Every structure is written in structure tokens, then in C-alpha cells.
Amino acid sequence: MVRFGCRPLLPNRLVYPEIIPAEFHSEVLYANHQDLVEKLVAGLGANAQDDDLRLRLSAAMAQFAWERRIGSYDDKLEDLAAVKNLKGC
């Protein structure tokens, strides 16, 4: 949903630091419970900076949009099908 303008608030663990560009980490990733509460409270007051953040995040997440990814998925699936056919499966 970030791609469509939702502002995330995510834990600074799992794959989130890898997916979210580093320039946004301090604004959208939290390290612990206290950090979560502080960022949640700060995020409740929407302002022009928040709008800018959401627009920049949306643009950064465009790389994961289905219309940009489907071609590579199709290519990979075709490669897998070709390998399977070569093996006579």
C-alpha cells in the first residue's frame, strides 16, 4: 500500500530495512516500543512534510509495482518451463 500513498510504520527488522530505501529508515522504521510510540504520535499530525514523504515513498516503491515486475516473472517462469522440458519431465 505504500506504493499508493500510505505511510508505513514498520519494525526495523525482518526484510523491511532491505525493501525501504535507507533515506526513509529514520522516518518509517522503529527500533523498539518507545520509538514506535514516538513515531506513531508524531505521525498522527499530518502536514505538508508528511505529504512529501508519502509521495517520495510512493515513487521509491514503484519498482515493486506489478506492471514493472510481471515481465521478469514471466521470463523466469518460461526459463523454468524450458529447463523442465529439456529434462523430459
PDB file of N, CA and C in Angstrom:
ATOM      1  N   MET A   1       0.802  -1.204   0.000  1.00  0.00           N
ATOM      2  CA  MET A   1       0.000   0.000   0.000  1.00  0.00           C
ATOM      3  C   MET A   1       0.850   1.276   0.000  1.00  0.00           C
ATOM      4  N   VAL A   2       2.101   1.153   0.361  1.00  0.00           N
ATOM      5  CA  VAL A   2       2.997   2.311   0.345  1.00  0.00           C
ATOM      6  C   VAL A   2       3.046   2.896  -1.051  1.00  0.00           C
ATOM      7  N   ARG A   3       2.988   2.037  -2.048  1.00  0.00           N
ATOM      8  CA  ARG A   3       3.023   2.479  -3.447  1.00  0.00           C
ATOM      9  C   ARG A   3       1.885   3.446  -3.762  1.00  0.00           C
ATOM     10  N   PHE A   4       0.792   3.338  -3.023  1.00  0.00           N
ATOM     11  CA  PHE A   4      -0.372   4.175  -3.276  1.00  0.00           C
ATOM     12  C   PHE A   4      -0.554   5.287  -2.264  1.00  0.00           C
ATOM     13  N   GLY A   5       0.502   5.614  -1.518  1.00  0.00           N
ATOM     14  CA  GLY A   5       0.474   6.783  -0.654  1.00  0.00           C
ATOM     15  C   GLY A   5       0.275   6.539   0.823  1.00  0.00           C
ATOM     16  N   CYS A   6       0.172   5.294   1.252  1.00  0.00           N
ATOM     17  CA  CYS A   6       0.056   5.017   2.686  1.00  0.00           C
ATOM     18  C   CYS A   6       1.427   5.166   3.334  1.00  0.00           C
ATOM     19  N   ARG A   7       1.449   5.798   4.473  1.00  0.00           N
ATOM     20  CA  ARG A   7       2.708   5.967   5.197  1.00  0.00           C
ATOM     21  C   ARG A   7       2.907   4.782   6.126  1.00  0.00           C
ATOM     22  N   PRO A   8       3.967   4.031   5.925  1.00  0.00           N
ATOM     23  CA  PRO A   8       4.192   2.867   6.790  1.00  0.00           C
ATOM     24  C   PRO A   8       4.844   3.247   8.113  1.00  0.00           C
ATOM     25  N   LEU A   9       4.681   2.397   9.075  1.00  0.00           N
ATOM     26  CA  LEU A   9       5.423   2.451  10.333  1.00  0.00           C
ATOM     27  C   LEU A   9       5.742   0.993  10.640  1.00  0.00           C
ATOM     28  N   LEU A  10       6.983   0.609  10.386  1.00  0.00           N
ATOM     29  CA  LEU A  10       7.382  -0.792  10.374  1.00  0.00           C
ATOM     30  C   LEU A  10       8.539  -1.052  11.325  1.00  0.00           C
ATOM     31  N   PRO A  11       8.643  -2.291  11.829  1.00  0.00           N
ATOM     32  CA  PRO A  11       9.782  -2.615  12.690  1.00  0.00           C
ATOM     33  C   PRO A  11      11.084  -2.616  11.887  1.00  0.00           C
ATOM     34  N   ASN A  12      12.149  -2.216  12.516  1.00  0.00           N
ATOM     35  CA  ASN A  12      13.457  -2.184  11.869  1.00  0.00           C
ATOM     36  C   ASN A  12      14.087  -3.581  11.955  1.00  0.00           C
ATOM     37  N   ARG A  13      13.405  -4.528  11.376  1.00  0.00           N
ATOM     38  CA  ARG A  13      13.865  -5.917  11.352  1.00  0.00           C
ATOM     39  C   ARG A  13      13.178  -6.625  10.195  1.00  0.00           C
ATOM     40  N   LEU A  14      13.316  -7.919  10.134  1.00  0.00           N
ATOM     41  CA  LEU A  14      12.784  -8.717   9.033  1.00  0.00           C
ATOM     42  C   LEU A  14      13.366  -8.191   7.723  1.00  0.00           C
ATOM     43  N   VAL A  15      12.561  -8.042   6.679  1.00  0.00           N
ATOM     44  CA  VAL A  15      13.085  -7.553   5.397  1.00  0.00           C
ATOM     45  C   VAL A  15      12.837  -6.068   5.180  1.00  0.00           C
ATOM     46  N   TYR A  16      12.164  -5.416   6.116  1.00  0.00           N
ATOM     47  CA  TYR A  16      11.809  -4.013   5.900  1.00  0.00           C
ATOM     48  C   TYR A  16      13.006  -3.110   5.625  1.00  0.00           C
ATOM     49  N   PRO A  17      14.092  -3.218   6.362  1.00  0.00           N
ATOM     50  CA  PRO A  17      15.243  -2.354   6.054  1.00  0.00           C
ATOM     51  C   PRO A  17      15.818  -2.598   4.653  1.00  0.00           C
ATOM     52  N   GLU A  18      15.620  -3.792   4.113  1.00  0.00           N
ATOM     53  CA  GLU A  18      16.108  -4.094   2.777  1.00  0.00           C
ATOM     54  C   GLU A  18      15.189  -3.527   1.697  1.00  0.00           C
ATOM     55  N   ILE A  19      13.910  -3.474   1.982  1.00  0.00           N
ATOM     56  CA  ILE A  19      12.933  -3.023   0.983  1.00  0.00           C
ATOM     57  C   ILE A  19      12.780  -1.508   0.996  1.00  0.00           C
ATOM     58  N   ILE A  20      12.692  -0.935   2.174  1.00  0.00           N
ATOM     59  CA  ILE A  20      12.532   0.516   2.295  1.00  0.00           C
ATOM     60  C   ILE A  20      13.897   1.171   2.055  1.00  0.00           C
ATOM     61  N   PRO A  21      13.984   2.122   1.124  1.00  0.00           N
ATOM     62  CA  PRO A  21      15.263   2.796   0.891  1.00  0.00           C
ATOM     63  C   PRO A  21      15.791   3.457   2.168  1.00  0.00           C
ATOM     64  N   ALA A  22      17.111   3.430   2.335  1.00  0.00           N
ATOM     65  CA  ALA A  22      17.760   3.915   3.558  1.00  0.00           C
ATOM     66  C   ALA A  22      17.385   5.351   3.903  1.00  0.00           C
ATOM     67  N   GLU A  23      17.150   6.178   2.917  1.00  0.00           N
ATOM     68  CA  GLU A  23      16.822   7.578   3.194  1.00  0.00           C
ATOM     69  C   GLU A  23      15.530   7.745   4.000  1.00  0.00           C
ATOM     70  N   PHE A  24      14.686   6.706   4.041  1.00  0.00           N
ATOM     71  CA  PHE A  24      13.407   6.781   4.760  1.00  0.00           C
ATOM     72  C   PHE A  24      13.425   6.049   6.101  1.00  0.00           C
ATOM     73  N   HIS A  25      14.485   5.330   6.399  1.00  0.00           N
ATOM     74  CA  HIS A  25      14.526   4.496   7.598  1.00  0.00           C
ATOM     75  C   HIS A  25      14.191   5.269   8.872  1.00  0.00           C
ATOM     76  N   SER A  26      14.784   6.426   9.051  1.00  0.00           N
ATOM     77  CA  SER A  26      14.562   7.158  10.303  1.00  0.00           C
ATOM     78  C   SER A  26      13.119   7.617  10.462  1.00  0.00           C
ATOM     79  N   GLU A  27      12.393   7.711   9.376  1.00  0.00           N
ATOM     80  CA  GLU A  27      11.008   8.204   9.447  1.00  0.00           C
ATOM     81  C   GLU A  27       9.973   7.088   9.516  1.00  0.00           C
ATOM     82  N   VAL A  28      10.270   5.921   8.947  1.00  0.00           N
ATOM     83  CA  VAL A  28       9.230   4.897   8.860  1.00  0.00           C
ATOM     84  C   VAL A  28       9.567   3.572   9.544  1.00  0.00           C
ATOM     85  N   LEU A  29      10.788   3.421  10.032  1.00  0.00           N
ATOM     86  CA  LEU A  29      11.141   2.207  10.762  1.00  0.00           C
ATOM     87  C   LEU A  29      11.346   2.535  12.239  1.00  0.00           C
ATOM     88  N   TYR A  30      10.852   1.675  13.100  1.00  0.00           N
ATOM     89  CA  TYR A  30      11.052   1.886  14.532  1.00  0.00           C
ATOM     90  C   TYR A  30      11.916   0.775  15.111  1.00  0.00           C
ATOM     91  N   ALA A  31      12.677   1.115  16.142  1.00  0.00           N
ATOM     92  CA  ALA A  31      13.644   0.185  16.720  1.00  0.00           C
ATOM     93  C   ALA A  31      13.100  -0.576  17.931  1.00  0.00           C
ATOM     94  N   ASN A  32      12.217   0.071  18.685  1.00  0.00           N
ATOM     95  CA  ASN A  32      11.705  -0.546  19.912  1.00  0.00           C
ATOM     96  C   ASN A  32      10.334   0.051  20.230  1.00  0.00           C
ATOM     97  N   HIS A  33       9.764  -0.371  21.347  1.00  0.00           N
ATOM     98  CA  HIS A  33       8.426   0.089  21.714  1.00  0.00           C
ATOM     99  C   HIS A  33       8.367   1.619  21.882  1.00  0.00           C
ATOM    100  N   GLN A  34       9.332   2.172  22.552  1.00  0.00           N
ATOM    101  CA  GLN A  34       9.359   3.624  22.774  1.00  0.00           C
ATOM    102  C   GLN A  34       9.444   4.374  21.446  1.00  0.00           C
ATOM    103  N   ASP A  35      10.290   3.900  20.559  1.00  0.00           N
ATOM    104  CA  ASP A  35      10.442   4.515  19.243  1.00  0.00           C
ATOM    105  C   ASP A  35       9.131   4.417  18.460  1.00  0.00           C
ATOM    106  N   LEU A  36       8.462   3.279  18.565  1.00  0.00           N
ATOM    107  CA  LEU A  36       7.160   3.100  17.909  1.00  0.00           C
ATOM    108  C   LEU A  36       6.162   4.135  18.396  1.00  0.00           C
ATOM    109  N   VAL A  37       6.047   4.273  19.710  1.00  0.00           N
ATOM    110  CA  VAL A  37       5.082   5.212  20.289  1.00  0.00           C
ATOM    111  C   VAL A  37       5.402   6.637  19.840  1.00  0.00           C
ATOM    112  N   GLU A  38       6.666   7.027  19.887  1.00  0.00           N
ATOM    113  CA  GLU A  38       7.055   8.389  19.489  1.00  0.00           C
ATOM    114  C   GLU A  38       6.735   8.657  18.015  1.00  0.00           C
ATOM    115  N   LYS A  39       7.031   7.702  17.152  1.00  0.00           N
ATOM    116  CA  LYS A  39       6.771   7.895  15.724  1.00  0.00           C
ATOM    117  C   LYS A  39       5.284   7.846  15.408  1.00  0.00           C
ATOM    118  N   LEU A  40       4.571   7.038  16.144  1.00  0.00           N
ATOM    119  CA  LEU A  40       3.126   6.974  15.954  1.00  0.00           C
ATOM    120  C   LEU A  40       2.476   8.297  16.342  1.00  0.00           C
ATOM    121  N   VAL A  41       2.853   8.831  17.484  1.00  0.00           N
ATOM    122  CA  VAL A  41       2.311  10.123  17.935  1.00  0.00           C
ATOM    123  C   VAL A  41       2.685  11.228  16.942  1.00  0.00           C
ATOM    124  N   ALA A  42       3.939  11.248  16.509  1.00  0.00           N
ATOM    125  CA  ALA A  42       4.386  12.272  15.556  1.00  0.00           C
ATOM    126  C   ALA A  42       3.644  12.146  14.236  1.00  0.00           C
ATOM    127  N   GLY A  43       3.360  10.925  13.829  1.00  0.00           N
ATOM    128  CA  GLY A  43       2.688  10.710  12.552  1.00  0.00           C
ATOM    129  C   GLY A  43       1.207  11.023  12.555  1.00  0.00           C
ATOM    130  N   LEU A  44       0.622  11.162  13.727  1.00  0.00           N
ATOM    131  CA  LEU A  44      -0.809  11.458  13.798  1.00  0.00           C
ATOM    132  C   LEU A  44      -1.143  12.869  13.328  1.00  0.00           C
ATOM    133  N   GLY A  45      -0.212  13.765  13.403  1.00  0.00           N
ATOM    134  CA  GLY A  45      -0.440  15.132  12.922  1.00  0.00           C
ATOM    135  C   GLY A  45       0.041  15.280  11.488  1.00  0.00           C
ATOM    136  N   ALA A  46      -0.830  15.028  10.527  1.00  0.00           N
ATOM    137  CA  ALA A  46      -0.437  15.121   9.116  1.00  0.00           C
ATOM    138  C   ALA A  46      -0.102  16.563   8.751  1.00  0.00           C
ATOM    139  N   ASN A  47       0.931  16.723   7.937  1.00  0.00           N
ATOM    140  CA  ASN A  47       1.316  18.051   7.482  1.00  0.00           C
ATOM    141  C   ASN A  47       1.934  17.949   6.086  1.00  0.00           C
ATOM    142  N   ALA A  48       2.419  19.047   5.557  1.00  0.00           N
ATOM    143  CA  ALA A  48       2.985  19.068   4.210  1.00  0.00           C
ATOM    144  C   ALA A  48       4.207  18.162   4.106  1.00  0.00           C
ATOM    145  N   GLN A  49       5.009  18.071   5.177  1.00  0.00           N
ATOM    146  CA  GLN A  49       6.172  17.188   5.155  1.00  0.00           C
ATOM    147  C   GLN A  49       5.741  15.730   5.009  1.00  0.00           C
ATOM    148  N   ASP A  50       4.636  15.372   5.662  1.00  0.00           N
ATOM    149  CA  ASP A  50       4.121  14.013   5.564  1.00  0.00           C
ATOM    150  C   ASP A  50       3.661  13.727   4.138  1.00  0.00           C
ATOM    151  N   ASP A  51       3.010  14.696   3.507  1.00  0.00           N
ATOM    152  CA  ASP A  51       2.584  14.527   2.119  1.00  0.00           C
ATOM    153  C   ASP A  51       3.788  14.304   1.220  1.00  0.00           C
ATOM    154  N   ASP A  52       4.847  15.063   1.426  1.00  0.00           N
ATOM    155  CA  ASP A  52       6.066  14.913   0.641  1.00  0.00           C
ATOM    156  C   ASP A  52       6.685  13.534   0.875  1.00  0.00           C
ATOM    157  N   LEU A  53       6.721  13.095   2.115  1.00  0.00           N
ATOM    158  CA  LEU A  53       7.261  11.778   2.445  1.00  0.00           C
ATOM    159  C   LEU A  53       6.478  10.687   1.718  1.00  0.00           C
ATOM    160  N   ARG A  54       5.169  10.777   1.781  1.00  0.00           N
ATOM    161  CA  ARG A  54       4.334   9.762   1.131  1.00  0.00           C
ATOM    162  C   ARG A  54       4.556   9.741  -0.377  1.00  0.00           C
ATOM    163  N   LEU A  55       4.685  10.904  -0.992  1.00  0.00           N
ATOM    164  CA  LEU A  55       4.939  10.958  -2.435  1.00  0.00           C
ATOM    165  C   LEU A  55       6.304  10.365  -2.794  1.00  0.00           C
ATOM    166  N   ARG A  56       7.320  10.690  -2.008  1.00  0.00           N
ATOM    167  CA  ARG A  56       8.663  10.160  -2.284  1.00  0.00           C
ATOM    168  C   ARG A  56       8.719   8.642  -2.051  1.00  0.00           C
ATOM    169  N   LEU A  57       8.051   8.175  -1.000  1.00  0.00           N
ATOM    170  CA  LEU A  57       7.995   6.738  -0.747  1.00  0.00           C
ATOM    171  C   LEU A  57       7.249   6.014  -1.864  1.00  0.00           C
ATOM    172  N   SER A  58       6.158   6.592  -2.303  1.00  0.00           N
ATOM    173  CA  SER A  58       5.396   6.001  -3.399  1.00  0.00           C
ATOM    174  C   SER A  58       6.265   5.842  -4.635  1.00  0.00           C
ATOM    175  N   ALA A  59       7.010   6.873  -4.967  1.00  0.00           N
ATOM    176  CA  ALA A  59       7.899   6.809  -6.134  1.00  0.00           C
ATOM    177  C   ALA A  59       8.977   5.742  -5.938  1.00  0.00           C
ATOM    178  N   ALA A  60       9.514   5.640  -4.739  1.00  0.00           N
ATOM    179  CA  ALA A  60      10.559   4.646  -4.467  1.00  0.00           C
ATOM    180  C   ALA A  60      10.019   3.223  -4.552  1.00  0.00           C
ATOM    181  N   MET A  61       8.778   3.031  -4.166  1.00  0.00           N
ATOM    182  CA  MET A  61       8.187   1.696  -4.182  1.00  0.00           C
ATOM    183  C   MET A  61       7.678   1.295  -5.562  1.00  0.00           C
ATOM    184  N   ALA A  62       7.710   2.220  -6.518  1.00  0.00           N
ATOM    185  CA  ALA A  62       7.248   1.920  -7.878  1.00  0.00           C
ATOM    186  C   ALA A  62       7.995   0.743  -8.481  1.00  0.00           C
ATOM    187  N   GLN A  63       9.219   0.520  -8.036  1.00  0.00           N
ATOM    188  CA  GLN A  63       9.995  -0.599  -8.574  1.00  0.00           C
ATOM    189  C   GLN A  63       9.337  -1.945  -8.304  1.00  0.00           C
ATOM    190  N   PHE A  64       8.466  -2.010  -7.308  1.00  0.00           N
ATOM    191  CA  PHE A  64       7.795  -3.258  -6.962  1.00  0.00           C
ATOM    192  C   PHE A  64       6.400  -3.378  -7.583  1.00  0.00           C
ATOM    193  N   ALA A  65       5.997  -2.384  -8.361  1.00  0.00           N
ATOM    194  CA  ALA A  65       4.667  -2.403  -8.978  1.00  0.00           C
ATOM    195  C   ALA A  65       4.542  -3.603  -9.911  1.00  0.00           C
ATOM    196  N   TRP A  66       3.391  -4.222  -9.904  1.00  0.00           N
ATOM    197  CA  TRP A  66       3.164  -5.426 -10.696  1.00  0.00           C
ATOM    198  C   TRP A  66       3.495  -5.202 -12.175  1.00  0.00           C
ATOM    199  N   GLU A  67       3.076  -4.078 -12.713  1.00  0.00           N
ATOM    200  CA  GLU A  67       3.321  -3.827 -14.134  1.00  0.00           C
ATOM    201  C   GLU A  67       4.815  -3.754 -14.464  1.00  0.00           C
ATOM    202  N   ARG A  68       5.632  -3.465 -13.480  1.00  0.00           N
ATOM    203  CA  ARG A  68       7.087  -3.450 -13.692  1.00  0.00           C
ATOM    204  C   ARG A  68       7.722  -4.802 -13.410  1.00  0.00           C
ATOM    205  N   ARG A  69       7.080  -5.627 -12.613  1.00  0.00           N
ATOM    206  CA  ARG A  69       7.657  -6.911 -12.204  1.00  0.00           C
ATOM    207  C   ARG A  69       7.205  -8.077 -13.069  1.00  0.00           C
ATOM    208  N   ILE A  70       6.032  -7.985 -13.669  1.00  0.00           N
ATOM    209  CA  ILE A  70       5.444  -9.134 -14.349  1.00  0.00           C
ATOM    210  C   ILE A  70       6.333  -9.677 -15.467  1.00  0.00           C
ATOM    211  N   GLY A  71       7.012  -8.802 -16.192  1.00  0.00           N
ATOM    212  CA  GLY A  71       7.885  -9.256 -17.271  1.00  0.00           C
ATOM    213  C   GLY A  71       8.993 -10.163 -16.772  1.00  0.00           C
ATOM    214  N   SER A  72       9.615  -9.789 -15.662  1.00  0.00           N
ATOM    215  CA  SER A  72      10.695 -10.627 -15.126  1.00  0.00           C
ATOM    216  C   SER A  72      10.145 -11.944 -14.581  1.00  0.00           C
ATOM    217  N   TYR A  73       8.944 -11.912 -13.978  1.00  0.00           N
ATOM    218  CA  TYR A  73       8.334 -13.159 -13.512  1.00  0.00           C
ATOM    219  C   TYR A  73       8.016 -14.070 -14.694  1.00  0.00           C
ATOM    220  N   ASP A  74       7.453 -13.502 -15.756  1.00  0.00           N
ATOM    221  CA  ASP A  74       7.156 -14.300 -16.945  1.00  0.00           C
ATOM    222  C   ASP A  74       8.431 -14.934 -17.505  1.00  0.00           C
ATOM    223  N   ASP A  75       9.501 -14.148 -17.583  1.00  0.00           N
ATOM    224  CA  ASP A  75      10.770 -14.669 -18.101  1.00  0.00           C
ATOM    225  C   ASP A  75      11.275 -15.829 -17.238  1.00  0.00           C
ATOM    226  N   LYS A  76      11.224 -15.662 -15.936  1.00  0.00           N
ATOM    227  CA  LYS A  76      11.702 -16.724 -15.032  1.00  0.00           C
ATOM    228  C   LYS A  76      10.866 -17.996 -15.179  1.00  0.00           C
ATOM    229  N   LEU A  77       9.545 -17.828 -15.262  1.00  0.00           N
ATOM    230  CA  LEU A  77       8.673 -18.990 -15.414  1.00  0.00           C
ATOM    231  C   LEU A  77       8.910 -19.687 -16.747  1.00  0.00           C
ATOM    232  N   GLU A  78       9.126 -18.927 -17.805  1.00  0.00           N
ATOM    233  CA  GLU A  78       9.429 -19.523 -19.099  1.00  0.00           C
ATOM    234  C   GLU A  78      10.758 -20.267 -19.053  1.00  0.00           C
ATOM    235  N   ASP A  79      11.755 -19.710 -18.370  1.00  0.00           N
ATOM    236  CA  ASP A  79      13.043 -20.383 -18.206  1.00  0.00           C
ATOM    237  C   ASP A  79      12.876 -21.704 -17.452  1.00  0.00           C
ATOM    238  N   LEU A  80      12.083 -21.675 -16.388  1.00  0.00           N
ATOM    239  CA  LEU A  80      11.845 -22.899 -15.616  1.00  0.00           C
ATOM    240  C   LEU A  80      11.122 -23.951 -16.455  1.00  0.00           C
ATOM    241  N   ALA A  81      10.145 -23.518 -17.232  1.00  0.00           N
ATOM    242  CA  ALA A  81       9.409 -24.448 -18.083  1.00  0.00           C
ATOM    243  C   ALA A  81      10.328 -25.056 -19.133  1.00  0.00           C
ATOM    244  N   ALA A  82      11.233 -24.255 -19.701  1.00  0.00           N
ATOM    245  CA  ALA A  82      12.166 -24.748 -20.702  1.00  0.00           C
ATOM    246  C   ALA A  82      13.115 -25.782 -20.099  1.00  0.00           C
ATOM    247  N   VAL A  83      13.609 -25.535 -18.909  1.00  0.00           N
ATOM    248  CA  VAL A  83      14.500 -26.481 -18.233  1.00  0.00           C
ATOM    249  C   VAL A  83      13.758 -27.786 -17.961  1.00  0.00           C
ATOM    250  N   LYS A  84      12.536 -27.666 -17.509  1.00  0.00           N
ATOM    251  CA  LYS A  84      11.754 -28.866 -17.226  1.00  0.00           C
ATOM    252  C   LYS A  84      11.513 -29.672 -18.496  1.00  0.00           C
ATOM    253  N   ASN A  85      11.232 -29.007 -19.612  1.00  0.00           N
ATOM    254  CA  ASN A  85      11.025 -29.689 -20.881  1.00  0.00           C
ATOM    255  C   ASN A  85      12.301 -30.365 -21.366  1.00  0.00           C
ATOM    256  N   LEU A  86      13.454 -29.748 -21.134  1.00  0.00           N
ATOM    257  CA  LEU A  86      14.746 -30.330 -21.530  1.00  0.00           C
ATOM    258  C   LEU A  86      15.029 -31.613 -20.751  1.00  0.00           C
ATOM    259  N   LYS A  87      14.572 -31.637 -19.513  1.00  0.00           N
ATOM    260  CA  LYS A  87      14.802 -32.806 -18.670  1.00  0.00           C
ATOM    261  C   LYS A  87      13.785 -33.915 -18.945  1.00  0.00           C
ATOM    262  N   GLY A  88      12.792 -33.619 -19.782  1.00  0.00           N
ATOM    263  CA  GLY A  88      11.791 -34.620 -20.124  1.00  0.00           C
ATOM    264  C   GLY A  88      10.757 -34.873 -19.051  1.00  0.00           C
ATOM    265  N   CYS A  89      10.548 -33.890 -18.203  1.00  0.00           N
ATOM    266  CA  CYS A  89       9.574 -34.030 -17.120  1.00  0.00           C
ATOM    267  C   CYS A  89       8.189 -33.674 -17.592  1.00  0.00           C
TER     268      CYS A  89
END
